[in-house]
Amino acid sequence: MASDHVFNPGALDPFHQEPSPDEAPYEQALRPAHLEEFIGQERVVQDLRLAIAAAQGRGEPPDHVLFSGPPGLGKTSLARILARELGSRLHATSGPALERPKDLVGLLTSIERGDVLFIDEIHRIPTTVEEYLYSAMEDYSVDITLDTGPHARLITLPVQPFTLVGATTREGLLSAPFRARFGLFERLDPYPTADLVRIIQRAAGLLDLPIEAAAAQHLAERSRGTPRIAGRFLRRARDLVQVTGLRELHLAAAQETLARLGIDANGLEEMDRRMLACLAAQGGGPVAIKTMAAVVGETEDTLEDVYEPHLLRAGYIQKTARGRMLTPQGARLIGLGQDPSGTPGLFSE
């Protein structure tokens, strides 16, 4: 069994959506390399397989692809797989890294025919940079202005035909002209528990970690439908198995791992409980997201992208025009049967 980690439950937030530098190599090693290895998202995989086969038959790059959905569902993995299936090179960057047009132009001019350009957080590309992508995506050329004033010159640089793959957690923030230039729109949804169990079992095999079915089920049920979180739980469980001298990851070890990470029996962690408590303190809501962020000590984006989706899917809170509110199920979870004023029926079915 591999022995490259020491258990440190406080080293990272289990639901943090970006791998830390020391976690990245292990996450990369667990990612699928080919479409047949990719578990779940069957419709998306089928669409990509068809697009790749058709493009290869025509001898041209596939249409530009936009992946959307919550963090950690496999958007980056699918971009890497797409490049590998096409037998081409992957050029990866992110929206925030493209601060100026020259950052993009330098990247585009280094692309060879058939390559894949992957832009993570593509909704965060500045407008001035985004406009340069329009002609690159449609006409495979980029117009550059040299000098200023009466001596300004416009030079058109050719770009080799390529496939742009964009990943976003906020599809609604993309401008309509930008979005219209993509040919494939693929929405990734949270994974059912059965798929997460398969993902955990596959990852455990790659880590040379014997695992009981009940332990895989326990970790999967508390992974919020997200493979990245499931993989992180598994690595923390492997650490526990290693330092305690266990021969396999059994149910009790999985339960202890999650307890050390602050995950309760309902799959909630400290920030989830803070959000529910904030709503309970206001009689169940409604509470504006800005107010909630200030109370729980977290940014609005993190609450909306990382924590809130699970609470919504689990039926513990609901979004209204006036703010977030506890549902009857959420109220029962934290032991609030009626509002603090004593008015019955606030959380009645």
Protein backbone atom coordinates (compact mmCIF):
# COMPACT_ATOMS: atom_id res chain seq x y z
CA MET A 1 0.00 0.00 0.00
CA ALA A 2 1.24 3.47 -0.82
CA SER A 3 2.52 5.43 2.15
CA ASP A 4 3.03 8.99 1.02
CA HIS A 5 0.60 10.85 3.27
CA VAL A 6 0.35 11.55 6.96
CA PHE A 7 -3.16 12.02 8.24
CA ASN A 8 -3.89 15.69 8.89
CA PRO A 9 -7.64 16.35 8.95
CA GLY A 10 -7.15 20.07 9.40
CA ALA A 11 -4.91 20.46 6.35
CA LEU A 12 -7.76 21.37 4.03
CA ASP A 13 -11.44 22.06 3.87
CA PRO A 14 -13.03 18.80 2.66
CA PHE A 15 -15.42 20.71 0.42
CA HIS A 16 -12.88 23.22 -0.93
CA GLN A 17 -13.22 22.99 -4.68
CA GLU A 18 -9.64 23.53 -5.84
CA PRO A 19 -6.90 21.01 -5.03
CA SER A 20 -4.07 22.33 -2.90
CA PRO A 21 -0.56 22.10 -4.43
CA ASP A 22 0.31 18.94 -2.50
CA GLU A 23 -3.02 17.32 -3.44
CA ALA A 24 -2.89 18.08 -7.18
CA PRO A 25 -0.52 15.23 -8.21
CA TYR A 26 -2.72 12.65 -6.50
CA GLU A 27 -5.88 14.06 -8.01
CA GLN A 28 -4.26 13.99 -11.47
CA ALA A 29 -3.26 10.36 -11.00
CA LEU A 30 -6.85 9.35 -10.20
CA ARG A 31 -8.40 11.09 -13.20
CA PRO A 32 -9.60 8.91 -16.09
CA ALA A 33 -7.44 9.05 -19.21
CA HIS A 34 -9.99 7.87 -21.79
CA LEU A 35 -13.73 8.11 -22.35
CA GLU A 36 -14.26 4.44 -21.55
CA GLU A 37 -12.70 5.04 -18.12
CA PHE A 38 -14.96 8.00 -17.35
CA ILE A 39 -17.71 6.95 -14.94
CA GLY A 40 -21.08 8.71 -15.02
CA GLN A 41 -22.39 11.59 -17.16
CA GLU A 42 -23.42 9.07 -19.83
CA ARG A 43 -25.16 11.57 -22.08
CA VAL A 44 -22.15 13.92 -22.09
CA VAL A 45 -19.76 11.06 -22.81
CA GLN A 46 -21.92 9.82 -25.68
CA ASP A 47 -22.13 13.33 -27.18
CA LEU A 48 -18.35 13.71 -27.04
CA ARG A 49 -17.74 10.29 -28.50
CA LEU A 50 -20.03 11.11 -31.43
CA ALA A 51 -18.46 14.55 -31.98
CA ILE A 52 -14.95 13.11 -31.95
CA ALA A 53 -15.79 10.33 -34.41
CA ALA A 54 -17.56 12.72 -36.78
CA ALA A 55 -14.75 15.29 -36.69
CA GLN A 56 -12.07 12.68 -37.27
CA GLY A 57 -14.08 11.33 -40.21
CA ARG A 58 -14.10 14.80 -41.75
CA GLY A 59 -10.46 15.45 -40.91
CA GLU A 60 -11.22 18.64 -38.97
CA PRO A 61 -11.37 19.74 -35.33
CA PRO A 62 -14.64 19.22 -33.43
CA ASP A 63 -16.90 22.16 -32.66
CA HIS A 64 -16.02 24.34 -29.69
CA VAL A 65 -17.34 22.85 -26.43
CA LEU A 66 -18.76 24.56 -23.35
CA PHE A 67 -18.91 22.52 -20.15
CA SER A 68 -21.01 23.97 -17.36
CA GLY A 69 -21.98 22.80 -13.91
CA PRO A 70 -20.84 22.88 -10.28
CA PRO A 71 -17.14 22.50 -9.43
CA GLY A 72 -15.53 19.09 -9.19
CA LEU A 73 -17.73 17.16 -11.62
CA GLY A 74 -15.11 16.41 -14.28
CA LYS A 75 -15.03 19.35 -16.68
CA THR A 76 -11.23 19.53 -16.67
CA SER A 77 -10.94 15.76 -16.96
CA LEU A 78 -13.21 15.73 -20.00
CA ALA A 79 -11.14 18.46 -21.66
CA ARG A 80 -7.98 16.41 -21.16
CA ILE A 81 -9.70 13.28 -22.43
CA LEU A 82 -10.96 15.13 -25.51
CA ALA A 83 -7.42 16.19 -26.44
CA ARG A 84 -6.09 12.69 -25.82
CA GLU A 85 -8.84 11.04 -27.90
CA LEU A 86 -8.09 13.46 -30.74
CA GLY A 87 -4.37 12.74 -30.49
CA SER A 88 -3.66 16.45 -30.09
CA ARG A 89 -2.01 18.76 -27.58
CA LEU A 90 -3.90 20.43 -24.74
CA HIS A 91 -3.20 24.08 -23.97
CA ALA A 92 -4.70 24.88 -20.57
CA THR A 93 -5.28 28.25 -18.97
CA SER A 94 -7.98 30.04 -16.98
CA GLY A 95 -10.12 33.12 -17.40
CA PRO A 96 -8.40 35.16 -14.66
CA ALA A 97 -4.97 34.39 -16.20
CA LEU A 98 -5.95 36.09 -19.48
CA GLU A 99 -5.75 39.64 -18.17
CA ARG A 100 -4.75 41.35 -21.44
CA PRO A 101 -5.32 40.62 -25.14
CA LYS A 102 -1.61 39.88 -25.60
CA ASP A 103 -1.93 37.00 -23.11
CA LEU A 104 -4.51 35.37 -25.36
CA VAL A 105 -2.80 36.22 -28.66
CA GLY A 106 0.45 34.64 -27.51
CA LEU A 107 -1.44 31.47 -26.61
CA LEU A 108 -3.41 31.34 -29.85
CA THR A 109 -0.38 31.79 -32.09
CA SER A 110 1.34 28.82 -30.43
CA ILE A 111 -1.52 26.46 -31.24
CA GLU A 112 -1.05 23.85 -33.93
CA ARG A 113 -3.77 22.45 -36.15
CA GLY A 114 -6.22 20.27 -34.24
CA ASP A 115 -5.03 21.30 -30.78
CA VAL A 116 -7.42 21.84 -27.87
CA LEU A 117 -7.42 25.13 -25.95
CA PHE A 118 -8.96 24.67 -22.51
CA ILE A 119 -10.05 27.76 -20.55
CA ASP A 120 -11.25 27.11 -17.02
CA GLU A 121 -13.54 29.67 -15.37
CA ILE A 122 -14.15 31.03 -18.84
CA HIS A 123 -16.86 33.37 -17.53
CA ARG A 124 -14.11 35.40 -15.85
CA ILE A 125 -12.37 36.41 -19.09
CA PRO A 126 -12.27 40.23 -19.39
CA THR A 127 -14.52 41.64 -22.09
CA THR A 128 -11.58 43.11 -24.02
CA VAL A 129 -9.96 39.67 -24.21
CA GLU A 130 -13.22 37.88 -24.96
CA GLU A 131 -13.71 39.93 -28.12
CA TYR A 132 -10.43 38.64 -29.53
CA LEU A 133 -11.74 35.11 -29.16
CA TYR A 134 -14.71 35.81 -31.44
CA SER A 135 -12.72 35.93 -34.67
CA ALA A 136 -10.36 33.19 -33.48
CA MET A 137 -13.27 30.82 -32.88
CA GLU A 138 -15.12 31.61 -36.11
CA ASP A 139 -12.50 32.70 -38.66
CA TYR A 140 -9.31 31.32 -37.13
CA SER A 141 -7.64 34.71 -37.18
CA VAL A 142 -6.86 37.50 -34.74
CA ASP A 143 -6.77 41.23 -35.53
CA ILE A 144 -4.06 43.16 -33.70
CA THR A 145 -3.74 46.94 -33.63
CA LEU A 146 -0.18 48.28 -33.69
CA ASP A 147 0.61 51.78 -32.48
CA THR A 148 -2.05 54.37 -31.72
CA GLY A 149 -3.50 57.48 -33.29
CA PRO A 150 -3.02 58.27 -37.01
CA HIS A 151 -0.15 55.76 -37.29
CA ALA A 152 -2.21 52.83 -36.02
CA ARG A 153 -2.07 49.70 -38.19
CA LEU A 154 -4.28 46.63 -38.15
CA ILE A 155 -2.57 43.30 -38.64
CA THR A 156 -4.44 40.03 -39.06
CA LEU A 157 -2.67 36.99 -37.65
CA PRO A 158 -3.83 33.55 -38.79
CA VAL A 159 -4.65 30.94 -36.16
CA GLN A 160 -4.53 27.24 -36.82
CA PRO A 161 -7.93 25.49 -36.66
CA PHE A 162 -8.46 24.41 -33.06
CA THR A 163 -11.14 23.40 -30.59
CA LEU A 164 -11.89 25.71 -27.67
CA VAL A 165 -13.16 23.96 -24.55
CA GLY A 166 -14.58 26.28 -21.93
CA ALA A 167 -15.51 25.31 -18.39
CA THR A 168 -17.77 27.43 -16.22
CA THR A 169 -19.71 27.23 -13.00
CA ARG A 170 -21.64 30.37 -13.98
CA GLU A 171 -22.94 29.88 -17.51
CA GLY A 172 -25.34 32.79 -17.09
CA LEU A 173 -22.39 35.20 -16.81
CA LEU A 174 -21.27 34.46 -20.37
CA SER A 175 -22.33 37.07 -22.90
CA ALA A 176 -24.82 35.95 -25.53
CA PRO A 177 -22.42 36.54 -28.49
CA PHE A 178 -19.71 34.51 -26.77
CA ARG A 179 -21.99 31.66 -25.84
CA ALA A 180 -23.42 31.49 -29.37
CA ARG A 181 -20.00 30.66 -30.78
CA PHE A 182 -19.89 27.27 -29.07
CA GLY A 183 -21.20 24.30 -30.98
CA LEU A 184 -21.59 21.84 -28.09
CA PHE A 185 -23.19 22.72 -24.76
CA GLU A 186 -22.75 20.07 -22.10
CA ARG A 187 -24.18 20.45 -18.62
CA LEU A 188 -22.63 18.21 -15.95
CA ASP A 189 -24.94 17.28 -13.09
CA PRO A 190 -24.13 15.92 -9.62
CA TYR A 191 -23.47 12.19 -9.65
CA PRO A 192 -25.82 9.61 -8.15
CA THR A 193 -24.42 7.63 -5.23
CA ALA A 194 -24.05 4.47 -7.33
CA ASP A 195 -21.67 6.23 -9.74
CA LEU A 196 -19.68 7.71 -6.86
CA VAL A 197 -19.29 4.26 -5.34
CA ARG A 198 -17.78 3.03 -8.62
CA ILE A 199 -15.50 6.07 -8.76
CA ILE A 200 -14.31 5.47 -5.19
CA GLN A 201 -13.71 1.79 -5.82
CA ARG A 202 -11.73 2.57 -8.99
CA ALA A 203 -9.65 5.19 -7.15
CA ALA A 204 -9.05 2.81 -4.25
CA GLY A 205 -7.69 0.27 -6.71
CA LEU A 206 -5.31 2.86 -8.17
CA LEU A 207 -4.18 3.73 -4.63
CA ASP A 208 -3.68 0.04 -3.80
CA LEU A 209 -6.19 0.42 -0.99
CA PRO A 210 -8.49 -2.54 -0.18
CA ILE A 211 -11.93 -1.16 0.60
CA GLU A 212 -15.17 -2.66 1.86
CA ALA A 213 -18.31 -2.02 -0.15
CA ALA A 214 -19.98 -0.51 2.92
CA ALA A 215 -17.10 1.95 3.35
CA ALA A 216 -17.30 3.03 -0.30
CA GLN A 217 -21.05 3.48 0.06
CA HIS A 218 -20.61 5.57 3.22
CA LEU A 219 -18.08 7.91 1.60
CA ALA A 220 -20.13 8.21 -1.58
CA GLU A 221 -23.33 9.15 0.24
CA ARG A 222 -21.57 12.11 1.87
CA SER A 223 -19.67 13.36 -1.17
CA ARG A 224 -22.38 15.78 -2.35
CA GLY A 225 -22.58 14.12 -5.75
CA THR A 226 -19.04 15.34 -6.50
CA PRO A 227 -16.15 13.04 -7.54
CA ARG A 228 -13.53 15.56 -6.40
CA ILE A 229 -14.92 15.48 -2.86
CA ALA A 230 -15.21 11.69 -2.98
CA GLY A 231 -11.56 11.42 -3.99
CA ARG A 232 -10.52 13.75 -1.21
CA PHE A 233 -12.46 11.75 1.39
CA LEU A 234 -10.84 8.56 0.08
CA ARG A 235 -7.32 9.99 0.38
CA ARG A 236 -7.98 11.11 3.94
CA ALA A 237 -9.34 7.64 4.72
CA ARG A 238 -6.22 6.09 3.19
CA ASP A 239 -4.12 8.23 5.53
CA LEU A 240 -6.05 6.88 8.51
CA VAL A 241 -5.69 3.29 7.32
CA GLN A 242 -1.95 3.81 6.86
CA VAL A 243 -1.11 5.36 10.21
CA THR A 244 -3.35 3.03 12.22
CA GLY A 245 -2.00 -0.12 10.56
CA LEU A 246 -5.35 -1.34 9.19
CA ARG A 247 -5.33 -3.88 6.38
CA GLU A 248 -8.31 -2.36 4.56
CA LEU A 249 -10.67 0.57 4.63
CA HIS A 250 -13.72 -0.74 6.45
CA LEU A 251 -16.91 1.05 7.44
CA ALA A 252 -15.74 2.08 10.89
CA ALA A 253 -12.59 3.65 9.44
CA ALA A 254 -14.64 5.54 6.86
CA GLN A 255 -16.93 6.80 9.61
CA GLU A 256 -13.99 7.91 11.73
CA THR A 257 -12.42 9.71 8.77
CA LEU A 258 -15.54 11.77 8.16
CA ALA A 259 -15.94 12.45 11.87
CA ARG A 260 -12.39 13.82 11.96
CA LEU A 261 -13.26 16.04 9.00
CA GLY A 262 -16.34 17.36 10.81
CA ILE A 263 -18.90 15.64 8.58
CA ASP A 264 -21.99 14.66 10.54
CA ALA A 265 -24.46 11.81 10.04
CA ASN A 266 -26.44 13.91 7.54
CA GLY A 267 -23.38 14.60 5.42
CA LEU A 268 -23.20 18.21 6.61
CA GLU A 269 -20.07 20.02 7.73
CA GLU A 270 -19.51 23.09 9.88
CA MET A 271 -20.31 25.71 7.21
CA ASP A 272 -23.56 23.96 6.29
CA ARG A 273 -24.60 23.99 9.92
CA ARG A 274 -23.68 27.67 10.22
CA MET A 275 -25.88 28.51 7.25
CA LEU A 276 -28.82 26.59 8.67
CA ALA A 277 -28.28 28.19 12.09
CA CYS A 278 -28.22 31.63 10.47
CA LEU A 279 -31.61 30.99 8.90
CA ALA A 280 -32.97 29.52 12.12
CA ALA A 281 -31.87 32.63 14.04
CA GLN A 282 -34.02 34.67 11.66
CA GLY A 283 -37.08 32.50 12.18
CA GLY A 284 -36.38 30.45 9.08
CA GLY A 285 -35.77 33.41 6.75
CA PRO A 286 -35.85 34.85 4.25
CA VAL A 287 -32.23 35.99 4.57
CA ALA A 288 -30.25 37.68 1.79
CA ILE A 289 -27.11 35.86 0.65
CA LYS A 290 -25.03 38.96 1.44
CA THR A 291 -26.29 38.92 5.02
CA MET A 292 -25.71 35.21 5.36
CA ALA A 293 -22.14 35.55 4.05
CA ALA A 294 -21.41 38.22 6.66
CA VAL A 295 -22.88 36.13 9.48
CA VAL A 296 -21.11 32.85 8.66
CA GLY A 297 -17.81 34.48 7.65
CA GLU A 298 -17.57 33.26 4.06
CA THR A 299 -17.74 34.90 0.63
CA GLU A 300 -21.02 35.00 -1.28
CA ASP A 301 -19.52 33.14 -4.26
CA THR A 302 -18.30 30.29 -2.06
CA LEU A 303 -21.67 29.92 -0.38
CA GLU A 304 -23.49 29.92 -3.73
CA ASP A 305 -21.06 27.66 -5.61
CA VAL A 306 -19.87 25.22 -2.95
CA TYR A 307 -22.31 24.90 -0.06
CA GLU A 308 -25.73 26.09 -1.17
CA PRO A 309 -26.23 23.62 -4.08
CA HIS A 310 -26.07 20.63 -1.74
CA LEU A 311 -28.43 22.22 0.79
CA LEU A 312 -30.87 22.96 -2.03
CA ARG A 313 -30.67 19.44 -3.50
CA ALA A 314 -31.06 17.89 -0.04
CA GLY A 315 -34.18 19.97 0.53
CA TYR A 316 -32.89 21.83 3.59
CA ILE A 317 -33.20 25.36 2.17
CA GLN A 318 -34.97 27.07 -0.68
CA LYS A 319 -34.26 30.20 -2.71
CA THR A 320 -36.93 32.87 -3.00
CA ALA A 321 -37.04 36.35 -4.46
CA ARG A 322 -36.56 37.75 -0.95
CA GLY A 323 -33.67 35.47 0.04
CA ARG A 324 -32.92 32.01 1.42
CA MET A 325 -35.37 30.18 3.65
CA LEU A 326 -35.39 27.00 5.70
CA THR A 327 -37.64 24.24 4.44
CA PRO A 328 -39.66 22.06 6.84
CA GLN A 329 -37.02 19.36 6.43
CA GLY A 330 -34.22 21.81 7.21
CA ALA A 331 -36.12 23.09 10.23
CA ARG A 332 -36.58 19.58 11.61
CA LEU A 333 -32.90 18.85 11.01
CA ILE A 334 -31.83 21.58 13.42
CA GLY A 335 -34.72 21.05 15.81
CA LEU A 336 -36.82 24.08 14.88
CA GLY A 337 -40.47 23.12 14.76
CA GLN A 338 -42.01 26.57 14.74
CA ASP A 339 -40.77 30.12 14.46
CA PRO A 340 -39.32 31.83 17.58
CA SER A 341 -42.42 33.96 17.98
CA GLY A 342 -44.42 30.79 18.59
CA THR A 343 -46.52 31.05 15.41
CA PRO A 344 -47.24 27.48 14.41
CA GLY A 345 -47.25 26.41 10.78
CA LEU A 346 -44.20 28.35 9.59
CA PHE A 347 -42.56 25.07 8.66
CA SER A 348 -45.68 22.98 8.26
CA GLU A 349 -45.92 20.69 5.27
